[in-house]
Amino acid sequence: MLSRLLLQSATCYRRLPNACYFAPQLSAPVSPAPSPSITRFFSSSSSSQIPNSSFVEHVGDEEDQTTSPPTAAISVDRSGLYNPPEHSHAPSSDSELIKHLKSIIKFRGGPISVAEYMEEVLTNPKAGFYINRDVFGAEGDFITSPEVSQMFGEMVGVWAMCLWEQMGQPNKVNLVELGPGRGTLMADLLRGASKFKNFTESLHIHMVECSPTLQKLQHSNLKCKYEDNMDDKMNKRNVSTLAGTPVTWHAALEQIPSGSPTIIIAHEFYDALPVHQFQRVSHGWCEKMVDLAEDSLFRFVLSPQPTPAKLYLMKRSKWAATEEIAKLDHIEVCPKAMELTQTIAKRIGSDGGGALIIDYGMDAVVSDSLQAIRQHKFVNILDDPGSADLSAYVDFASIRHSAEEASGDVSIHGPITQSQFLGSLGINFRVEALLQNCTDEQAESLRTGYWRLVGEGEAPFWEGPDEQVPIGMGTLYLAMTIVNKRQGVPVPFK
């Protein structure tokens, strides 16, 4: 079963379905000598896609004649009134989100883009997948790297501290996380860095999160409490007791005050941004859309006319080699990823700092990668929208071009594999240190988590059930950074 699932998703991996982590080698990555900052850190003792539906190209009652007595009467002609094919008062089992999606399509009199469908499914304010529940972990729909092992957040903390040193150790830094999930990554980062007071005292943490449910989880996991605000006597502020750092929540990156150096972490954030899908047909590229079939079920269709999103397809095609486009029959473009990258690059170019992007994807044009995961299993994209996570491969080449286009004051490095990134930051030293003081059960958990983060393929040491064998994702996830040019090349991209 595991082999079938891995084969099915070979070109479109998502954040880890629970028993099917993505496909690393028996040997651990070879790590170069760590930087002084990394050495100091470790000397402290902080503990498938389902096949899409077939594409389709777009291309009254009788009059009421009741007999009335010859007294004053009113005759009503109902022949022009709309009479739906099904009884309008029949009970419906559709969820609120499905009703909402159907109403949009009916109101417009035509289909909506895959990107709009994806955005509504994931972030609709009332019924979006991410909005009102915890979707992470073994009890949720998928598992992310921070949930695999504390070492992931600790290594990202090492990267952030090294960048802070390259920036000249400023005394005020915005540390931003986009889509923080449960707050696990940030909590592990702060625990690992808590002994480096100069670093943690410079931080103001900003969590960009649209889900009220996840905001509460993040508040709890960061162990926040309210304290008097020295800068604003009228309001108290949230402070994480893990490292004494203030924490603020925002709905968008643009809401974070500018003017201070900024370190941005985007881990498994870009893959959830809505994508537009295009398919090559005899007369060119047509955008794939979501429409309603006669049985009121959702289906994919192709737009017969050019859509506004085709401008982004043209832009993406200009960034690619002609032969790269020529061999593809499907292309995905993500305008929101381009726009977000431009916002990040402009801020880093003007204020200083850097951004770390870690996600699964490729350094090339992305074809048909959109997928849905429900309770750790791949399901049909159009099946019961709002009950499954939707995601797509990240186009790292597009991120690079967008950043270069937005600012001449930034440099882009990578992508490199997650295995290279974590190995160069010292995860091998960290796992060895943790293994020296733990129980047999903890040691097994550490080895398993380590393999999932940096390995490739099935773990050779596994002796448990075949369906639970740890699958490494060290080469399937990529890391890229955007930094201010004045700061030089960041660790570990040198």
Protein backbone atom coordinates (compact mmCIF):
# COMPACT_ATOMS: atom_id res chain seq x y z
CA MET A 1 0.00 0.00 0.00
CA LEU A 2 2.82 2.38 0.91
CA SER A 3 4.63 1.68 -2.33
CA ARG A 4 1.46 2.33 -4.32
CA LEU A 5 0.90 5.60 -2.51
CA LEU A 6 4.46 6.76 -3.05
CA LEU A 7 4.28 5.89 -6.75
CA GLN A 8 0.95 7.64 -7.05
CA SER A 9 2.34 10.84 -5.59
CA ALA A 10 5.80 10.72 -7.14
CA THR A 11 5.36 14.00 -8.99
CA CYS A 12 3.19 15.84 -6.50
CA TYR A 13 4.24 15.30 -2.90
CA ARG A 14 2.47 17.20 -0.17
CA ARG A 15 3.28 17.81 3.44
CA LEU A 16 3.68 14.44 4.90
CA PRO A 17 0.68 12.14 5.07
CA ASN A 18 1.21 10.39 8.39
CA ALA A 19 2.46 6.98 7.33
CA CYS A 20 3.91 8.05 4.01
CA TYR A 21 6.72 10.53 4.49
CA PHE A 22 8.34 11.52 1.32
CA ALA A 23 10.79 9.69 -0.46
CA PRO A 24 16.25 9.83 1.12
CA GLN A 25 20.27 7.12 1.45
CA LEU A 26 21.50 4.98 4.12
CA SER A 27 24.28 7.34 5.04
CA ALA A 28 23.56 10.64 6.75
CA PRO A 29 24.47 13.86 4.93
CA VAL A 30 28.10 14.88 5.29
CA SER A 31 28.24 18.18 7.11
CA PRO A 32 30.99 20.74 6.65
CA ALA A 33 32.59 22.26 9.71
CA PRO A 34 29.96 24.39 11.47
CA SER A 35 30.34 28.15 11.89
CA PRO A 36 31.29 29.61 15.30
CA SER A 37 27.63 30.46 15.91
CA ILE A 38 26.60 26.87 15.25
CA THR A 39 29.37 25.54 17.51
CA ARG A 40 28.24 27.82 20.32
CA PHE A 41 24.65 26.72 19.83
CA PHE A 42 25.48 23.04 20.28
CA SER A 43 27.76 23.67 23.23
CA SER A 44 24.66 24.86 25.08
CA SER A 45 22.34 22.14 26.34
CA SER A 46 18.91 23.28 25.15
CA SER A 47 17.23 20.37 25.07
CA SER A 48 -1.74 11.61 -5.71
CA GLN A 49 -2.84 12.74 -6.72
CA ILE A 50 -6.23 11.37 -7.82
CA PRO A 51 -6.71 11.53 -11.61
CA ASN A 52 -8.65 14.63 -12.58
CA SER A 53 -12.07 14.48 -14.14
CA SER A 54 -12.31 14.64 -17.90
CA PHE A 55 -12.07 18.12 -19.30
CA VAL A 56 -15.02 19.67 -21.10
CA GLU A 57 -14.71 22.70 -23.33
CA HIS A 58 -17.27 25.46 -22.89
CA VAL A 59 -19.06 26.33 -25.53
CA GLY A 60 -41.41 27.33 -18.01
CA ASP A 61 -44.28 25.76 -16.67
CA GLU A 62 -47.41 25.67 -18.62
CA GLU A 63 -49.79 28.54 -17.94
CA ASP A 64 -52.10 28.04 -14.95
CA GLN A 65 -55.66 27.70 -16.31
CA THR A 66 -57.91 27.16 -13.33
CA THR A 67 -61.65 27.73 -13.76
CA SER A 68 -63.11 30.63 -11.74
CA PRO A 69 -66.68 31.66 -11.00
CA PRO A 70 -67.91 34.76 -12.81
CA THR A 71 -67.01 36.97 -9.84
CA ALA A 72 -64.04 39.35 -9.46
CA ALA A 73 -60.85 37.29 -9.88
CA ILE A 74 -57.10 37.75 -10.45
CA SER A 75 -55.37 35.73 -13.14
CA VAL A 76 -51.59 35.15 -12.67
CA ASP A 77 -49.36 34.12 -15.54
CA ARG A 78 -46.52 31.97 -14.07
CA SER A 79 -45.07 30.79 -17.35
CA GLY A 80 -42.06 33.09 -17.15
CA LEU A 81 -41.04 32.20 -13.62
CA TYR A 82 -37.89 30.13 -12.94
CA ASN A 83 -38.68 26.58 -11.91
CA PRO A 84 -35.54 24.65 -10.81
CA PRO A 85 -35.19 21.05 -11.99
CA GLU A 86 -35.16 19.79 -8.39
CA HIS A 87 -37.63 20.80 -5.68
CA SER A 88 -36.29 24.04 -4.20
CA HIS A 89 -37.43 23.12 -0.69
CA ALA A 90 -35.93 19.64 -0.58
CA PRO A 91 -33.39 19.11 2.21
CA SER A 92 -29.76 19.39 1.12
CA SER A 93 -26.75 17.59 2.59
CA ASP A 94 -24.31 20.10 1.09
CA SER A 95 -21.97 21.83 3.52
CA GLU A 96 -22.04 25.60 3.85
CA LEU A 97 -18.85 25.85 1.81
CA ILE A 98 -20.25 23.70 -1.01
CA LYS A 99 -23.40 25.83 -1.08
CA HIS A 100 -21.21 28.94 -1.18
CA LEU A 101 -19.12 27.63 -4.08
CA LYS A 102 -22.22 26.63 -6.03
CA SER A 103 -23.78 30.04 -5.44
CA ILE A 104 -20.69 31.78 -6.84
CA ILE A 105 -20.76 29.66 -10.00
CA LYS A 106 -24.52 30.13 -10.46
CA PHE A 107 -24.36 33.88 -9.81
CA ARG A 108 -21.65 34.35 -12.41
CA GLY A 109 -23.34 32.06 -14.86
CA GLY A 110 -20.12 30.18 -15.47
CA PRO A 111 -17.11 28.46 -13.92
CA ILE A 112 -14.52 29.80 -11.49
CA SER A 113 -10.76 29.38 -11.73
CA VAL A 114 -8.96 26.58 -9.89
CA ALA A 115 -7.16 29.31 -7.93
CA GLU A 116 -10.43 30.81 -6.69
CA TYR A 117 -11.75 27.36 -5.82
CA MET A 118 -8.54 26.60 -3.91
CA GLU A 119 -8.61 29.90 -2.01
CA GLU A 120 -12.22 29.45 -0.94
CA VAL A 121 -11.63 25.84 0.11
CA LEU A 122 -8.62 26.70 2.27
CA THR A 123 -9.31 30.16 3.70
CA ASN A 124 -13.02 30.95 3.41
CA PRO A 125 -13.65 33.00 6.60
CA LYS A 126 -16.49 30.77 7.77
CA ALA A 127 -15.75 27.28 6.47
CA GLY A 128 -12.20 27.19 5.08
CA PHE A 129 -10.07 24.12 5.75
CA TYR A 130 -7.52 26.04 7.82
CA ILE A 131 -9.88 28.38 9.64
CA ASN A 132 -11.76 26.58 12.40
CA ARG A 133 -9.75 23.49 13.33
CA ASP A 134 -6.31 22.05 13.96
CA VAL A 135 -5.35 20.16 10.80
CA PHE A 136 -1.78 19.24 11.80
CA GLY A 137 -0.26 16.15 13.35
CA ALA A 138 -1.21 12.50 13.63
CA GLU A 139 -4.78 13.37 14.60
CA GLY A 140 -5.13 15.90 11.78
CA ASP A 141 -4.74 15.58 8.02
CA PHE A 142 -0.97 15.84 7.56
CA ILE A 143 2.29 16.23 9.49
CA THR A 144 4.89 18.93 8.89
CA SER A 145 8.62 18.91 9.65
CA PRO A 146 8.39 20.81 12.97
CA GLU A 147 5.95 18.16 14.20
CA VAL A 148 8.45 15.42 13.25
CA SER A 149 11.28 16.60 15.50
CA GLN A 150 12.30 19.56 17.66
CA MET A 151 15.58 19.59 15.72
CA PHE A 152 13.94 21.20 12.70
CA GLY A 153 12.94 24.36 14.57
CA GLU A 154 16.31 24.42 16.33
CA MET A 155 18.19 24.35 13.01
CA VAL A 156 16.03 27.17 11.63
CA GLY A 157 16.94 29.06 14.83
CA VAL A 158 20.63 28.52 14.11
CA TRP A 159 20.11 29.92 10.60
CA ALA A 160 18.27 32.98 11.96
CA MET A 161 20.97 33.67 14.56
CA CYS A 162 23.75 33.35 11.97
CA LEU A 163 21.92 35.80 9.72
CA TRP A 164 21.46 38.19 12.65
CA GLU A 165 25.23 38.11 13.22
CA GLN A 166 25.87 38.80 9.53
CA MET A 167 23.50 41.76 9.83
CA GLY A 168 25.77 43.25 12.51
CA GLN A 169 23.72 42.07 15.51
CA PRO A 170 21.07 44.83 15.38
CA ASN A 171 19.28 45.46 18.68
CA LYS A 172 15.82 45.39 17.08
CA VAL A 173 14.70 42.74 14.58
CA ASN A 174 11.31 41.63 13.33
CA LEU A 175 11.19 37.82 13.27
CA VAL A 176 8.25 36.88 11.05
CA GLU A 177 6.72 33.47 10.41
CA LEU A 178 4.20 33.04 7.61
CA GLY A 179 1.57 30.39 8.29
CA PRO A 180 2.97 29.19 11.64
CA GLY A 181 0.69 26.17 12.05
CA ARG A 182 0.58 25.24 15.72
CA GLY A 183 3.57 27.47 16.51
CA THR A 184 5.81 24.42 16.97
CA LEU A 185 8.65 25.70 14.79
CA MET A 186 8.80 29.06 16.56
CA ALA A 187 8.56 27.45 20.00
CA ASP A 188 11.49 25.12 19.24
CA LEU A 189 13.45 28.03 17.75
CA LEU A 190 13.00 30.11 20.91
CA ARG A 191 13.82 27.24 23.27
CA GLY A 192 17.01 26.50 21.36
CA ALA A 193 18.09 30.15 21.24
CA SER A 194 16.96 31.11 24.76
CA LYS A 195 20.52 31.11 26.18
CA PHE A 196 21.70 33.65 23.60
CA LYS A 197 20.19 36.68 25.30
CA ASN A 198 21.58 39.31 22.94
CA PHE A 199 19.81 37.57 20.08
CA THR A 200 16.47 36.85 21.75
CA GLU A 201 16.28 40.30 23.35
CA SER A 202 16.54 41.89 19.91
CA LEU A 203 13.51 39.99 18.59
CA HIS A 204 9.92 41.03 18.13
CA ILE A 205 8.02 38.02 16.82
CA HIS A 206 5.25 38.51 14.27
CA MET A 207 2.98 35.57 13.41
CA VAL A 208 1.07 35.94 10.12
CA GLU A 209 -1.99 33.74 10.66
CA CYS A 210 -5.59 34.04 9.44
CA SER A 211 -7.08 31.19 11.52
CA PRO A 212 -8.45 32.14 14.96
CA THR A 213 -8.20 28.51 16.03
CA LEU A 214 -4.52 28.27 15.12
CA GLN A 215 -3.79 31.66 16.68
CA LYS A 216 -5.00 30.27 20.02
CA LEU A 217 -2.82 27.18 19.60
CA GLN A 218 0.19 29.33 18.78
CA HIS A 219 -0.46 31.54 21.80
CA SER A 220 -0.54 28.45 24.00
CA ASN A 221 2.53 26.72 22.51
CA LEU A 222 4.60 29.89 22.74
CA LYS A 223 3.50 30.13 26.39
CA CYS A 224 2.46 33.74 25.98
CA LYS A 225 1.25 35.98 28.76
CA TYR A 226 0.22 39.62 28.91
CA GLU A 227 2.67 42.22 30.20
CA ASP A 228 2.70 45.99 30.37
CA ASN A 229 3.84 47.55 27.11
CA MET A 230 6.68 50.01 27.68
CA ASP A 231 6.01 51.64 24.31
CA ASP A 232 2.25 51.92 24.77
CA LYS A 233 1.09 52.46 28.35
CA MET A 234 -2.56 52.01 27.35
CA ASN A 235 -2.18 48.47 26.02
CA LYS A 236 -0.62 45.28 27.29
CA ARG A 237 1.42 43.07 24.98
CA ASN A 238 1.83 39.34 24.51
CA VAL A 239 5.22 38.03 25.59
CA SER A 240 6.49 34.49 25.03
CA THR A 241 7.89 33.23 28.31
CA LEU A 242 10.11 30.79 26.36
CA ALA A 243 12.59 33.60 25.71
CA GLY A 244 10.93 36.82 26.95
CA THR A 245 10.15 38.01 23.41
CA PRO A 246 7.03 40.04 22.46
CA VAL A 247 4.63 38.35 20.03
CA THR A 248 2.08 39.97 17.73
CA TRP A 249 -0.41 38.39 15.34
CA HIS A 250 -1.33 39.72 11.89
CA ALA A 251 -3.57 38.66 9.02
CA ALA A 252 -1.04 39.70 6.35
CA LEU A 253 2.66 40.49 5.97
CA GLU A 254 1.83 44.06 4.94
CA GLN A 255 0.45 44.75 8.44
CA ILE A 256 3.86 44.30 10.09
CA PRO A 257 5.54 47.68 10.74
CA SER A 258 8.47 48.40 8.42
CA GLY A 259 11.69 50.22 9.22
CA SER A 260 13.47 47.49 11.19
CA PRO A 261 15.61 44.62 9.85
CA THR A 262 13.35 41.64 9.18
CA ILE A 263 13.93 37.89 9.21
CA ILE A 264 11.09 35.99 7.50
CA ILE A 265 10.43 32.26 7.76
CA ALA A 266 8.08 30.67 5.22
CA HIS A 267 7.96 26.95 5.90
CA GLU A 268 5.30 25.08 3.92
CA PHE A 269 3.49 28.33 3.21
CA TYR A 270 3.97 28.83 -0.52
CA ASP A 271 2.55 25.41 -1.38
CA ALA A 272 -0.89 26.43 -0.08
CA LEU A 273 -1.09 29.60 -2.19
CA PRO A 274 -3.73 29.27 -4.95
CA VAL A 275 -2.53 28.22 -8.39
CA HIS A 276 -4.01 28.72 -11.83
CA GLN A 277 -3.83 25.67 -14.07
CA PHE A 278 -3.51 25.72 -17.85
CA GLN A 279 -3.83 22.94 -20.42
CA ARG A 280 -2.46 22.97 -23.95
CA VAL A 281 -5.12 22.38 -26.64
CA SER A 282 -5.11 22.64 -30.43
CA HIS A 283 -5.52 26.42 -30.45
CA GLY A 284 -3.18 27.25 -27.56
CA TRP A 285 -3.37 27.38 -23.76
CA CYS A 286 -6.74 27.26 -22.00
CA GLU A 287 -7.26 27.78 -18.29
CA LYS A 288 -8.74 24.91 -16.32
CA MET A 289 -11.86 25.97 -14.42
CA VAL A 290 -14.29 24.49 -11.88
CA ASP A 291 -17.94 24.28 -12.95
CA LEU A 292 -21.15 22.49 -12.00
CA ALA A 293 -22.33 19.48 -13.97
CA GLU A 294 -26.00 18.72 -14.62
CA ASP A 295 -26.05 16.50 -11.53
CA SER A 296 -24.85 19.50 -9.44
CA LEU A 297 -21.45 17.92 -8.82
CA PHE A 298 -18.26 19.87 -9.40
CA ARG A 299 -16.28 19.15 -12.55
CA PHE A 300 -13.28 20.56 -14.42
CA VAL A 301 -13.82 22.42 -17.68
CA LEU A 302 -11.66 24.51 -19.97
CA SER A 303 -12.29 28.17 -20.63
CA PRO A 304 -12.96 28.83 -24.34
CA GLN A 305 -11.63 32.39 -24.08
CA PRO A 306 -8.41 33.87 -22.65
CA THR A 307 -8.65 34.66 -18.93
CA PRO A 308 -6.87 37.41 -16.93
CA ALA A 309 -4.54 34.82 -15.41
CA LYS A 310 -3.07 34.14 -18.85
CA LEU A 311 -0.97 37.27 -18.34
CA TYR A 312 0.86 35.44 -15.56
CA LEU A 313 1.27 32.38 -17.78
CA MET A 314 2.90 34.59 -20.39
CA LYS A 315 5.15 36.14 -17.75
CA ARG A 316 6.18 32.74 -16.42
CA SER A 317 6.83 31.48 -19.94
CA LYS A 318 9.23 34.38 -20.61
CA TRP A 319 11.30 33.28 -17.59
CA ALA A 320 11.63 29.75 -18.98
CA ALA A 321 13.50 28.29 -21.92
CA THR A 322 11.40 27.65 -25.03
CA GLU A 323 12.20 23.94 -24.95
CA GLU A 324 11.08 23.70 -21.31
CA ILE A 325 7.61 25.03 -22.19
CA ALA A 326 7.39 23.04 -25.44
CA LYS A 327 7.52 19.66 -23.66
CA LEU A 328 4.66 20.46 -21.27
CA ASP A 329 0.92 20.01 -21.82
CA HIS A 330 -0.02 21.40 -18.39
CA ILE A 331 1.39 24.41 -16.51
CA GLU A 332 0.63 25.84 -13.07
CA VAL A 333 1.28 29.47 -12.21
CA CYS A 334 0.88 31.12 -8.81
CA PRO A 335 0.35 34.89 -9.05
CA LYS A 336 0.08 35.22 -5.26
CA ALA A 337 3.50 33.60 -4.84
CA MET A 338 4.96 36.12 -7.28
CA GLU A 339 3.29 39.02 -5.47
CA LEU A 340 4.28 37.79 -2.00
CA THR A 341 7.89 37.35 -3.11
CA GLN A 342 7.96 40.87 -4.49
CA THR A 343 6.66 42.22 -1.16
CA ILE A 344 9.32 40.26 0.73
CA ALA A 345 12.12 41.35 -1.60
CA LYS A 346 11.18 45.02 -1.42
CA ARG A 347 11.08 44.96 2.39
CA ILE A 348 14.40 43.14 2.72
CA GLY A 349 15.94 45.44 0.12
CA SER A 350 14.93 48.55 2.06
CA ASP A 351 15.07 47.38 5.71
CA GLY A 352 17.71 44.65 5.62
CA GLY A 353 17.42 41.06 6.75
CA GLY A 354 16.47 37.92 4.88
CA ALA A 355 13.80 35.35 4.14
CA LEU A 356 14.03 31.56 4.35
CA ILE A 357 11.64 29.55 2.16
CA ILE A 358 11.41 25.79 2.75
CA ASP A 359 8.88 23.76 0.82
CA TYR A 360 8.45 20.86 -1.54
CA GLY A 361 8.74 21.85 -5.17
CA MET A 362 11.15 22.22 -8.05
CA ASP A 363 13.50 24.74 -9.59
CA ALA A 364 11.57 24.77 -12.87
CA VAL A 365 8.15 25.29 -14.42
CA VAL A 366 5.56 23.22 -12.55
CA SER A 367 3.13 21.06 -14.48
CA ASP A 368 0.00 19.40 -13.03
CA SER A 369 0.81 19.01 -9.30
CA LEU A 370 -2.29 20.14 -7.40
CA GLN A 371 -3.39 17.50 -4.89
CA ALA A 372 -5.73 16.96 -1.94
CA ILE A 373 -5.03 15.16 1.36
CA ARG A 374 -7.63 14.13 3.89
CA GLN A 375 -6.62 12.29 7.06
CA HIS A 376 -3.23 11.34 5.60
CA LYS A 377 -4.68 9.96 2.35
CA PHE A 378 -4.81 11.40 -1.16
CA VAL A 379 -8.34 12.12 -2.35
CA ASN A 380 -10.04 13.73 -5.35
CA ILE A 381 -9.54 17.48 -5.49
CA LEU A 382 -13.25 18.16 -6.05
CA ASP A 383 -14.51 15.69 -3.44
CA ASP A 384 -16.23 17.37 -0.46
CA PRO A 385 -14.37 20.69 -0.66
CA GLY A 386 -13.29 22.07 2.70
CA SER A 387 -12.68 18.62 4.19
CA ALA A 388 -9.22 18.11 2.63
CA ASP A 389 -6.04 20.12 2.32
CA LEU A 390 -5.11 21.39 -1.14
CA SER A 391 -1.53 22.14 -2.13
CA ALA A 392 0.73 22.33 -5.15
CA TYR A 393 4.44 22.15 -5.93
CA VAL A 394 6.34 25.39 -5.31
CA ASP A 395 7.98 26.93 -8.37
CA PHE A 396 11.32 28.07 -6.90
CA ALA A 397 12.51 29.46 -10.23
CA SER A 398 9.49 31.76 -10.28
CA ILE A 399 10.33 32.93 -6.75
CA ARG A 400 13.87 33.77 -7.82
CA HIS A 401 12.76 35.75 -10.88
CA SER A 402 10.08 37.60 -8.89
CA ALA A 403 12.58 38.66 -6.22
CA GLU A 404 15.16 39.80 -8.77
CA GLU A 405 12.50 41.77 -10.62
CA ALA A 406 11.24 43.47 -7.44
CA SER A 407 14.52 44.73 -5.98
CA GLY A 408 18.09 45.19 -7.09
CA ASP A 409 19.20 45.29 -3.44
CA VAL A 410 18.64 41.60 -2.72
CA SER A 411 20.44 38.41 -3.66
CA ILE A 412 18.83 34.98 -3.98
CA HIS A 413 20.60 31.77 -2.99
CA GLY A 414 19.49 28.19 -3.57
CA PRO A 415 17.47 26.17 -3.71
CA ILE A 416 19.41 23.42 -1.98
CA THR A 417 17.90 20.26 -0.56
CA GLN A 418 16.55 20.21 2.98
CA SER A 419 19.14 17.52 3.74
CA GLN A 420 21.96 19.85 2.68
CA PHE A 421 20.44 22.76 4.58
CA LEU A 422 19.97 20.93 7.87
CA GLY A 423 23.22 18.98 7.56
CA SER A 424 25.29 22.12 7.03
CA LEU A 425 23.68 23.78 10.03
CA GLY A 426 24.71 20.90 12.28
CA ILE A 427 21.73 18.60 12.72
CA ASN A 428 24.14 15.63 12.90
CA PHE A 429 25.87 17.15 15.93
CA ARG A 430 22.53 17.96 17.50
CA VAL A 431 21.09 14.46 17.19
CA GLU A 432 24.29 12.98 18.66
CA ALA A 433 24.07 15.35 21.63
CA LEU A 434 20.43 14.47 22.27
CA LEU A 435 21.08 10.72 21.99
CA GLN A 436 23.57 10.88 24.86
CA ASN A 437 20.90 11.62 27.43
CA CYS A 438 17.61 9.93 26.54
CA THR A 439 15.63 6.76 27.04
CA ASP A 440 15.49 3.94 24.47
CA GLU A 441 12.04 5.14 23.39
CA GLN A 442 13.27 8.71 22.98
CA ALA A 443 16.29 7.47 21.03
CA GLU A 444 14.04 5.59 18.62
CA SER A 445 11.93 8.71 18.15
CA LEU A 446 15.05 10.83 17.52
CA ARG A 447 16.44 8.41 14.92
CA THR A 448 13.09 8.21 13.17
CA GLY A 449 12.63 12.00 13.14
CA TYR A 450 16.17 12.56 11.96
CA TRP A 451 15.68 10.17 9.03
CA ARG A 452 12.43 11.77 8.01
CA LEU A 453 14.07 15.19 7.93
CA VAL A 454 17.31 14.36 6.09
CA GLY A 455 17.08 10.81 4.73
CA GLU A 456 16.04 9.50 1.34
CA GLY A 457 13.76 6.52 0.88
CA GLU A 458 12.83 3.97 3.52
CA ALA A 459 14.77 3.97 6.78
CA PRO A 460 17.21 1.01 6.74
CA PHE A 461 17.11 0.63 10.53
CA TRP A 462 13.33 0.24 10.79
CA GLU A 463 12.13 -2.98 12.44
CA GLY A 464 8.47 -2.10 12.98
CA PRO A 465 5.38 -2.62 10.77
CA ASP A 466 5.98 -2.06 7.06
CA GLU A 467 3.10 0.39 6.79
CA GLN A 468 4.78 2.65 9.35
CA VAL A 469 8.31 2.65 7.93
CA PRO A 470 9.79 6.20 8.07
CA ILE A 471 10.27 7.70 4.61
CA GLY A 472 12.89 10.44 4.31
CA MET A 473 12.05 13.76 2.70
CA GLY A 474 15.55 15.25 2.76
CA THR A 475 15.80 15.59 -1.03
CA LEU A 476 12.16 16.33 -1.78
CA TYR A 477 12.02 19.54 0.21
CA LEU A 478 14.08 22.51 -0.95
CA ALA A 479 15.42 25.61 0.82
CA MET A 480 15.95 29.03 -0.71
CA THR A 481 16.90 32.36 0.85
CA ILE A 482 16.46 36.00 -0.17
CA VAL A 483 18.81 38.41 1.63
CA ASN A 484 19.96 42.00 1.49
CA LYS A 485 23.08 42.20 -0.68
CA ARG A 486 25.01 44.19 1.95
CA GLN A 487 25.01 41.18 4.26
CA GLY A 488 26.87 38.80 1.94
CA VAL A 489 26.05 35.14 1.32
CA PRO A 490 24.14 33.58 4.23
CA VAL A 491 24.88 30.31 6.00
CA PRO A 492 24.68 27.57 4.69
CA PHE A 493 24.45 28.73 1.08
CA LYS A 494 28.13 29.72 0.81
